[in-house]
Amino acid sequence: MRYLLAGLLLLLVSCAPPKSSKPIDRETLLPQLSQLPGVVVSATEPLSFGYPEQVMFGSRAVLPMPGGPQLLNPLAQFLKQHPQTLWQVDLRVQTIYGAEYDQTLAEKRSELLASYLLSKGVNLQSLYFQPSFADGDPLVFTLMSNKPTTE
């Protein structure tokens, strides 16, 4: 009987929902984001921030602009301070050279950014890189409420 009760107790404990991490407080993140050099924070939902054209990357460059570490180091520090926060990282490129070139450039920028952030101790499992041939700001981080599902 003792083992049966212990087994039932173990079963009930294993069915309990996991402790949720502390909810993301937009009001806490906003002042920190506004301190990041070169960043433009979006006022819309979901929370997002980005680096407009010619701030992080030159028009056809894989490498960040001169002074890139002055932008990337504070970004890495911010991401390390919020390891439970999930971000979709859009790297967009649209040039006159065509979709194939632009997609490749976006992918190379994504690889370089991921490598740099990893070297600074950022947990890449909280970042979901989306390199694409698309119009818009070249680098945008959008707050995600859940991990994306893979199909």
N, C-alpha and C. Protein backbone atom coordinates (compact mmCIF):
# COMPACT_ATOMS: atom_id res chain seq x y z
N MET A 1 0.83 -1.19 0.00
CA MET A 1 0.00 0.00 0.00
C MET A 1 0.87 1.26 0.00
N ARG A 2 1.96 1.22 0.77
CA ARG A 2 2.87 2.36 0.85
C ARG A 2 3.45 2.68 -0.53
N TYR A 3 3.82 1.62 -1.27
CA TYR A 3 4.40 1.84 -2.59
C TYR A 3 3.36 2.37 -3.58
N LEU A 4 2.14 1.93 -3.42
CA LEU A 4 1.07 2.41 -4.27
C LEU A 4 0.83 3.90 -4.04
N LEU A 5 0.80 4.32 -2.78
CA LEU A 5 0.63 5.74 -2.47
C LEU A 5 1.81 6.57 -2.98
N ALA A 6 3.02 6.05 -2.80
CA ALA A 6 4.20 6.75 -3.29
C ALA A 6 4.15 6.88 -4.81
N GLY A 7 3.71 5.82 -5.47
CA GLY A 7 3.59 5.85 -6.93
C GLY A 7 2.56 6.85 -7.39
N LEU A 8 1.42 6.89 -6.71
CA LEU A 8 0.38 7.86 -7.06
C LEU A 8 0.86 9.29 -6.82
N LEU A 9 1.56 9.50 -5.72
CA LEU A 9 2.09 10.83 -5.42
C LEU A 9 3.09 11.25 -6.50
N LEU A 10 3.96 10.34 -6.88
CA LEU A 10 4.94 10.62 -7.93
C LEU A 10 4.24 10.94 -9.25
N LEU A 11 3.18 10.19 -9.55
CA LEU A 11 2.42 10.44 -10.77
C LEU A 11 1.77 11.82 -10.75
N LEU A 12 1.20 12.20 -9.62
CA LEU A 12 0.57 13.52 -9.50
C LEU A 12 1.60 14.64 -9.63
N VAL A 13 2.74 14.47 -9.02
CA VAL A 13 3.79 15.50 -9.10
C VAL A 13 4.28 15.65 -10.53
N SER A 14 4.42 14.54 -11.24
CA SER A 14 4.92 14.61 -12.62
C SER A 14 3.91 15.24 -13.56
N CYS A 15 2.62 15.22 -13.19
CA CYS A 15 1.58 15.83 -14.03
C CYS A 15 1.40 17.32 -13.75
N ALA A 16 1.98 17.81 -12.68
CA ALA A 16 1.83 19.22 -12.34
C ALA A 16 2.48 20.06 -13.41
N PRO A 17 1.88 21.20 -13.76
CA PRO A 17 2.50 22.05 -14.78
C PRO A 17 3.83 22.58 -14.26
N PRO A 18 4.82 22.73 -15.15
CA PRO A 18 6.11 23.25 -14.73
C PRO A 18 5.98 24.69 -14.27
N LYS A 19 6.88 25.07 -13.38
CA LYS A 19 6.90 26.46 -12.95
C LYS A 19 7.19 27.33 -14.16
N SER A 20 6.38 28.34 -14.34
CA SER A 20 6.62 29.24 -15.46
C SER A 20 7.66 30.25 -15.06
N SER A 21 8.44 30.65 -16.02
CA SER A 21 9.43 31.68 -15.73
C SER A 21 8.70 33.00 -15.52
N LYS A 22 9.38 33.89 -14.89
CA LYS A 22 8.80 35.19 -14.58
C LYS A 22 8.32 35.83 -15.89
N PRO A 23 7.08 36.35 -15.91
CA PRO A 23 6.59 36.96 -17.15
C PRO A 23 7.46 38.15 -17.57
N ILE A 24 7.53 38.33 -18.86
CA ILE A 24 8.34 39.41 -19.40
C ILE A 24 7.64 40.73 -19.14
N ASP A 25 8.34 41.63 -18.51
CA ASP A 25 7.79 42.93 -18.16
C ASP A 25 8.24 43.95 -19.20
N ARG A 26 7.32 44.30 -20.08
CA ARG A 26 7.61 45.27 -21.16
C ARG A 26 8.16 46.57 -20.58
N GLU A 27 7.60 47.00 -19.46
CA GLU A 27 8.02 48.26 -18.85
C GLU A 27 9.46 48.19 -18.32
N THR A 28 9.93 47.01 -18.00
CA THR A 28 11.33 46.84 -17.58
C THR A 28 12.25 46.83 -18.78
N LEU A 29 11.81 46.19 -19.87
CA LEU A 29 12.65 46.07 -21.06
C LEU A 29 12.80 47.40 -21.81
N LEU A 30 11.74 48.19 -21.89
CA LEU A 30 11.77 49.42 -22.69
C LEU A 30 12.90 50.38 -22.30
N PRO A 31 13.09 50.70 -21.01
CA PRO A 31 14.18 51.62 -20.67
C PRO A 31 15.56 51.04 -21.01
N GLN A 32 15.70 49.73 -20.86
CA GLN A 32 16.97 49.10 -21.19
C GLN A 32 17.23 49.13 -22.69
N LEU A 33 16.18 48.88 -23.47
CA LEU A 33 16.32 48.91 -24.92
C LEU A 33 16.66 50.32 -25.42
N SER A 34 16.06 51.32 -24.79
CA SER A 34 16.31 52.69 -25.24
C SER A 34 17.75 53.12 -24.97
N GLN A 35 18.46 52.39 -24.12
CA GLN A 35 19.86 52.69 -23.82
C GLN A 35 20.83 52.05 -24.81
N LEU A 36 20.33 51.13 -25.63
CA LEU A 36 21.22 50.47 -26.60
C LEU A 36 21.56 51.43 -27.73
N PRO A 37 22.84 51.60 -28.03
CA PRO A 37 23.22 52.54 -29.10
C PRO A 37 22.73 52.08 -30.47
N GLY A 38 22.18 53.03 -31.23
CA GLY A 38 21.75 52.76 -32.60
C GLY A 38 20.39 52.11 -32.73
N VAL A 39 19.75 51.76 -31.63
CA VAL A 39 18.49 51.02 -31.66
C VAL A 39 17.30 51.96 -31.80
N VAL A 40 16.33 51.50 -32.58
CA VAL A 40 15.03 52.15 -32.66
C VAL A 40 14.02 51.15 -32.12
N VAL A 41 13.27 51.55 -31.07
CA VAL A 41 12.29 50.68 -30.44
C VAL A 41 10.93 50.96 -31.05
N SER A 42 10.21 49.91 -31.41
CA SER A 42 8.88 50.05 -31.99
C SER A 42 7.86 50.26 -30.87
N ALA A 43 6.90 51.12 -31.12
CA ALA A 43 5.85 51.40 -30.14
C ALA A 43 4.69 50.41 -30.23
N THR A 44 4.70 49.56 -31.25
CA THR A 44 3.59 48.63 -31.46
C THR A 44 3.83 47.31 -30.74
N GLU A 45 2.79 46.51 -30.68
CA GLU A 45 2.89 45.15 -30.14
C GLU A 45 3.11 44.20 -31.31
N PRO A 46 3.85 43.15 -31.17
CA PRO A 46 4.68 42.83 -30.03
C PRO A 46 5.90 43.75 -29.96
N LEU A 47 6.52 43.76 -28.81
CA LEU A 47 7.70 44.59 -28.59
C LEU A 47 8.79 44.19 -29.58
N SER A 48 9.36 45.19 -30.24
CA SER A 48 10.47 44.91 -31.15
C SER A 48 11.42 46.10 -31.16
N PHE A 49 12.64 45.81 -31.54
CA PHE A 49 13.64 46.86 -31.70
C PHE A 49 14.54 46.47 -32.84
N GLY A 50 15.13 47.48 -33.46
CA GLY A 50 15.96 47.18 -34.62
C GLY A 50 17.01 48.22 -34.87
N TYR A 51 17.82 47.89 -35.84
CA TYR A 51 18.88 48.77 -36.30
C TYR A 51 18.55 49.16 -37.73
N PRO A 52 18.20 50.44 -37.95
CA PRO A 52 17.81 50.87 -39.30
C PRO A 52 18.96 50.77 -40.29
N GLU A 53 18.61 51.00 -41.54
CA GLU A 53 19.58 50.96 -42.64
C GLU A 53 20.83 51.77 -42.32
N GLN A 54 21.98 51.22 -42.63
CA GLN A 54 23.28 51.87 -42.49
C GLN A 54 23.71 52.11 -41.04
N VAL A 55 23.03 51.49 -40.07
CA VAL A 55 23.49 51.60 -38.68
C VAL A 55 24.37 50.41 -38.33
N MET A 56 23.86 49.20 -38.57
CA MET A 56 24.64 48.00 -38.25
C MET A 56 25.42 47.51 -39.46
N PHE A 57 24.78 47.46 -40.62
CA PHE A 57 25.42 46.92 -41.82
C PHE A 57 25.40 47.94 -42.94
N GLY A 58 26.47 47.94 -43.74
CA GLY A 58 26.48 48.71 -44.96
C GLY A 58 25.55 48.04 -45.97
N SER A 59 25.24 48.70 -47.06
CA SER A 59 24.22 48.19 -47.98
C SER A 59 24.53 46.82 -48.56
N ARG A 60 25.79 46.51 -48.86
CA ARG A 60 26.12 45.20 -49.44
C ARG A 60 27.14 44.45 -48.60
N ALA A 61 27.33 44.85 -47.37
CA ALA A 61 28.38 44.27 -46.53
C ALA A 61 27.86 43.15 -45.64
N VAL A 62 28.69 42.14 -45.48
CA VAL A 62 28.39 41.08 -44.53
C VAL A 62 28.79 41.53 -43.12
N LEU A 63 29.91 42.18 -43.03
CA LEU A 63 30.42 42.62 -41.72
C LEU A 63 29.71 43.88 -41.25
N PRO A 64 29.60 44.03 -39.93
CA PRO A 64 29.02 45.28 -39.40
C PRO A 64 29.84 46.49 -39.82
N MET A 65 29.21 47.63 -39.75
CA MET A 65 29.86 48.90 -40.06
C MET A 65 31.04 49.10 -39.10
N PRO A 66 31.98 49.99 -39.44
CA PRO A 66 33.02 50.33 -38.48
C PRO A 66 32.36 50.80 -37.18
N GLY A 67 32.88 50.35 -36.07
CA GLY A 67 32.25 50.65 -34.79
C GLY A 67 31.22 49.61 -34.39
N GLY A 68 31.15 48.52 -35.13
CA GLY A 68 30.19 47.46 -34.84
C GLY A 68 30.25 46.93 -33.42
N PRO A 69 31.44 46.70 -32.86
CA PRO A 69 31.49 46.23 -31.47
C PRO A 69 30.84 47.19 -30.47
N GLN A 70 30.86 48.49 -30.77
CA GLN A 70 30.21 49.44 -29.86
C GLN A 70 28.69 49.27 -29.89
N LEU A 71 28.17 48.69 -30.96
CA LEU A 71 26.75 48.37 -31.04
C LEU A 71 26.46 46.95 -30.54
N LEU A 72 27.32 46.02 -30.91
CA LEU A 72 27.08 44.62 -30.61
C LEU A 72 27.34 44.26 -29.15
N ASN A 73 28.33 44.86 -28.53
CA ASN A 73 28.63 44.51 -27.14
C ASN A 73 27.48 44.87 -26.19
N PRO A 74 26.89 46.07 -26.28
CA PRO A 74 25.72 46.35 -25.43
C PRO A 74 24.53 45.44 -25.74
N LEU A 75 24.35 45.08 -27.01
CA LEU A 75 23.29 44.16 -27.39
C LEU A 75 23.51 42.80 -26.72
N ALA A 76 24.73 42.30 -26.80
CA ALA A 76 25.06 41.02 -26.17
C ALA A 76 24.82 41.07 -24.67
N GLN A 77 25.21 42.16 -24.04
CA GLN A 77 25.01 42.31 -22.60
C GLN A 77 23.52 42.30 -22.27
N PHE A 78 22.71 43.01 -23.05
CA PHE A 78 21.26 43.03 -22.84
C PHE A 78 20.68 41.63 -22.96
N LEU A 79 21.06 40.90 -24.01
CA LEU A 79 20.53 39.55 -24.22
C LEU A 79 20.96 38.61 -23.10
N LYS A 80 22.16 38.76 -22.59
CA LYS A 80 22.63 37.93 -21.47
C LYS A 80 21.87 38.24 -20.19
N GLN A 81 21.43 39.47 -20.02
CA GLN A 81 20.66 39.84 -18.82
C GLN A 81 19.26 39.26 -18.85
N HIS A 82 18.79 38.86 -20.01
CA HIS A 82 17.43 38.33 -20.17
C HIS A 82 17.46 36.99 -20.90
N PRO A 83 18.08 35.97 -20.29
CA PRO A 83 18.26 34.70 -21.01
C PRO A 83 16.96 33.95 -21.28
N GLN A 84 15.89 34.22 -20.52
CA GLN A 84 14.62 33.53 -20.72
C GLN A 84 13.75 34.20 -21.77
N THR A 85 14.18 35.36 -22.26
CA THR A 85 13.40 36.11 -23.24
C THR A 85 13.67 35.54 -24.63
N LEU A 86 12.61 35.24 -25.36
CA LEU A 86 12.74 34.68 -26.70
C LEU A 86 12.59 35.78 -27.74
N TRP A 87 13.48 35.80 -28.70
CA TRP A 87 13.47 36.83 -29.74
C TRP A 87 13.53 36.19 -31.12
N GLN A 88 12.69 36.68 -32.02
CA GLN A 88 12.85 36.37 -33.44
C GLN A 88 13.78 37.44 -33.99
N VAL A 89 14.82 37.01 -34.68
CA VAL A 89 15.83 37.92 -35.20
C VAL A 89 15.72 37.92 -36.73
N ASP A 90 15.12 38.98 -37.26
CA ASP A 90 14.97 39.11 -38.71
C ASP A 90 16.16 39.85 -39.28
N LEU A 91 16.83 39.21 -40.21
CA LEU A 91 17.91 39.85 -40.97
C LEU A 91 17.43 39.95 -42.40
N ARG A 92 17.14 41.17 -42.83
CA ARG A 92 16.54 41.40 -44.14
C ARG A 92 17.53 42.09 -45.07
N VAL A 93 17.50 41.66 -46.31
CA VAL A 93 18.34 42.28 -47.33
C VAL A 93 17.52 42.42 -48.60
N GLN A 94 17.59 43.60 -49.19
CA GLN A 94 17.00 43.81 -50.52
C GLN A 94 17.87 44.81 -51.26
N THR A 95 18.59 44.31 -52.26
CA THR A 95 19.47 45.14 -53.08
C THR A 95 19.05 45.02 -54.54
N ILE A 96 19.83 45.62 -55.40
CA ILE A 96 19.57 45.54 -56.84
C ILE A 96 20.15 44.27 -57.45
N TYR A 97 20.77 43.43 -56.64
CA TYR A 97 21.48 42.26 -57.16
C TYR A 97 20.63 41.00 -57.23
N GLY A 98 19.39 41.05 -56.80
CA GLY A 98 18.50 39.91 -56.95
C GLY A 98 18.31 39.09 -55.69
N ALA A 99 17.28 38.28 -55.73
CA ALA A 99 16.84 37.51 -54.56
C ALA A 99 17.89 36.52 -54.07
N GLU A 100 18.55 35.83 -54.98
CA GLU A 100 19.53 34.81 -54.57
C GLU A 100 20.71 35.46 -53.83
N TYR A 101 21.23 36.54 -54.40
CA TYR A 101 22.32 37.28 -53.75
C TYR A 101 21.88 37.80 -52.38
N ASP A 102 20.69 38.39 -52.35
CA ASP A 102 20.20 38.98 -51.10
C ASP A 102 19.97 37.93 -50.02
N GLN A 103 19.42 36.77 -50.40
CA GLN A 103 19.20 35.70 -49.43
C GLN A 103 20.53 35.20 -48.88
N THR A 104 21.51 35.03 -49.74
CA THR A 104 22.83 34.59 -49.30
C THR A 104 23.46 35.61 -48.36
N LEU A 105 23.35 36.89 -48.70
CA LEU A 105 23.90 37.94 -47.84
C LEU A 105 23.21 37.94 -46.48
N ALA A 106 21.89 37.78 -46.46
CA ALA A 106 21.16 37.73 -45.20
C ALA A 106 21.61 36.53 -44.36
N GLU A 107 21.80 35.39 -44.99
CA GLU A 107 22.25 34.20 -44.27
C GLU A 107 23.65 34.39 -43.70
N LYS A 108 24.54 35.00 -44.47
CA LYS A 108 25.91 35.24 -43.98
C LYS A 108 25.91 36.23 -42.81
N ARG A 109 25.07 37.26 -42.89
CA ARG A 109 24.95 38.20 -41.77
C ARG A 109 24.43 37.48 -40.53
N SER A 110 23.46 36.60 -40.73
CA SER A 110 22.89 35.83 -39.63
C SER A 110 23.95 34.95 -38.96
N GLU A 111 24.73 34.26 -39.76
CA GLU A 111 25.81 33.41 -39.23
C GLU A 111 26.83 34.23 -38.45
N LEU A 112 27.22 35.36 -39.01
CA LEU A 112 28.21 36.20 -38.36
C LEU A 112 27.68 36.76 -37.04
N LEU A 113 26.43 37.22 -37.04
CA LEU A 113 25.83 37.76 -35.83
C LEU A 113 25.72 36.68 -34.76
N ALA A 114 25.26 35.50 -35.14
CA ALA A 114 25.14 34.40 -34.18
C ALA A 114 26.50 34.03 -33.60
N SER A 115 27.50 33.96 -34.45
CA SER A 115 28.85 33.63 -33.99
C SER A 115 29.38 34.67 -33.01
N TYR A 116 29.17 35.94 -33.32
CA TYR A 116 29.65 37.01 -32.45
C TYR A 116 28.94 36.96 -31.10
N LEU A 117 27.61 36.83 -31.11
CA LEU A 117 26.86 36.80 -29.86
C LEU A 117 27.24 35.58 -29.03
N LEU A 118 27.46 34.44 -29.67
CA LEU A 118 27.89 33.25 -28.96
C LEU A 118 29.25 33.47 -28.30
N SER A 119 30.15 34.14 -29.01
CA SER A 119 31.47 34.42 -28.44
C SER A 119 31.40 35.33 -27.23
N LYS A 120 30.32 36.09 -27.11
CA LYS A 120 30.13 36.99 -25.97
C LYS A 120 29.30 36.35 -24.85
N GLY A 121 28.96 35.06 -25.03
CA GLY A 121 28.26 34.33 -23.98
C GLY A 121 26.74 34.37 -24.05
N VAL A 122 26.19 34.78 -25.17
CA VAL A 122 24.73 34.83 -25.32
C VAL A 122 24.21 33.43 -25.60
N ASN A 123 23.09 33.07 -24.96
CA ASN A 123 22.44 31.79 -25.19
C ASN A 123 21.67 31.86 -26.51
N LEU A 124 22.16 31.19 -27.53
CA LEU A 124 21.53 31.26 -28.85
C LEU A 124 20.21 30.51 -28.91
N GLN A 125 19.90 29.70 -27.90
CA GLN A 125 18.63 28.98 -27.90
C GLN A 125 17.45 29.92 -27.70
N SER A 126 17.71 31.15 -27.27
CA SER A 126 16.63 32.11 -27.09
C SER A 126 16.47 33.03 -28.30
N LEU A 127 17.26 32.78 -29.34
CA LEU A 127 17.21 33.60 -30.55
C LEU A 127 16.83 32.73 -31.74
N TYR A 128 15.87 33.19 -32.52
CA TYR A 128 15.40 32.46 -33.70
C TYR A 128 15.68 33.31 -34.93
N PHE A 129 16.79 33.01 -35.59
CA PHE A 129 17.27 33.80 -36.72
C PHE A 129 16.43 33.51 -37.96
N GLN A 130 16.04 34.59 -38.65
CA GLN A 130 15.22 34.51 -39.86
C GLN A 130 15.86 35.37 -40.96
N PRO A 131 16.92 34.87 -41.61
CA PRO A 131 17.50 35.64 -42.71
C PRO A 131 16.59 35.57 -43.93
N SER A 132 16.39 36.72 -44.59
CA SER A 132 15.49 36.69 -45.74
C SER A 132 15.78 37.81 -46.72
N PHE A 133 15.36 37.54 -47.96
CA PHE A 133 15.31 38.54 -49.01
C PHE A 133 14.01 39.29 -48.77
N ALA A 134 14.11 40.48 -48.19
CA ALA A 134 12.90 41.24 -47.85
C ALA A 134 13.26 42.70 -47.64
N ASP A 135 12.24 43.53 -47.79
CA ASP A 135 12.39 44.95 -47.55
C ASP A 135 12.19 45.22 -46.06
N GLY A 136 12.74 46.31 -45.58
CA GLY A 136 12.57 46.68 -44.18
C GLY A 136 13.91 46.88 -43.51
N ASP A 137 13.87 47.19 -42.21
CA ASP A 137 15.11 47.37 -41.46
C ASP A 137 15.93 46.09 -41.54
N PRO A 138 17.25 46.23 -41.71
CA PRO A 138 18.09 45.06 -41.91
C PRO A 138 18.22 44.12 -40.70
N LEU A 139 17.99 44.65 -39.49
CA LEU A 139 18.11 43.80 -38.31
C LEU A 139 17.04 44.21 -37.30
N VAL A 140 16.11 43.27 -37.03
CA VAL A 140 15.00 43.54 -36.12
C VAL A 140 14.84 42.36 -35.17
N PHE A 141 14.73 42.67 -33.88
CA PHE A 141 14.46 41.68 -32.84
C PHE A 141 13.01 41.87 -32.40
N THR A 142 12.22 40.79 -32.47
CA THR A 142 10.82 40.84 -32.07
C THR A 142 10.60 39.86 -30.92
N LEU A 143 10.03 40.36 -29.84
CA LEU A 143 9.76 39.55 -28.66
C LEU A 143 8.73 38.48 -28.99
N MET A 144 9.03 37.26 -28.61
CA MET A 144 8.13 36.14 -28.85
C MET A 144 7.55 35.68 -27.52
N SER A 145 6.30 35.27 -27.52
CA SER A 145 5.70 34.79 -26.28
C SER A 145 5.98 33.31 -26.06
N ASN A 146 6.16 32.55 -27.11
CA ASN A 146 6.44 31.12 -27.02
C ASN A 146 7.51 30.72 -28.02
N LYS A 147 8.12 29.57 -27.77
CA LYS A 147 9.05 29.02 -28.75
C LYS A 147 8.28 28.66 -30.00
N PRO A 148 8.85 28.91 -31.17
CA PRO A 148 8.15 28.54 -32.40
C PRO A 148 8.11 27.01 -32.55
N THR A 149 7.06 26.53 -33.18
CA THR A 149 6.97 25.10 -33.42
C THR A 149 7.65 24.79 -34.75
N THR A 150 8.27 23.65 -34.81
CA THR A 150 8.90 23.23 -36.07
C THR A 150 8.01 22.21 -36.73
N GLU A 151 7.92 22.30 -38.02
CA GLU A 151 7.04 21.38 -38.76
C GLU A 151 7.85 20.48 -39.61
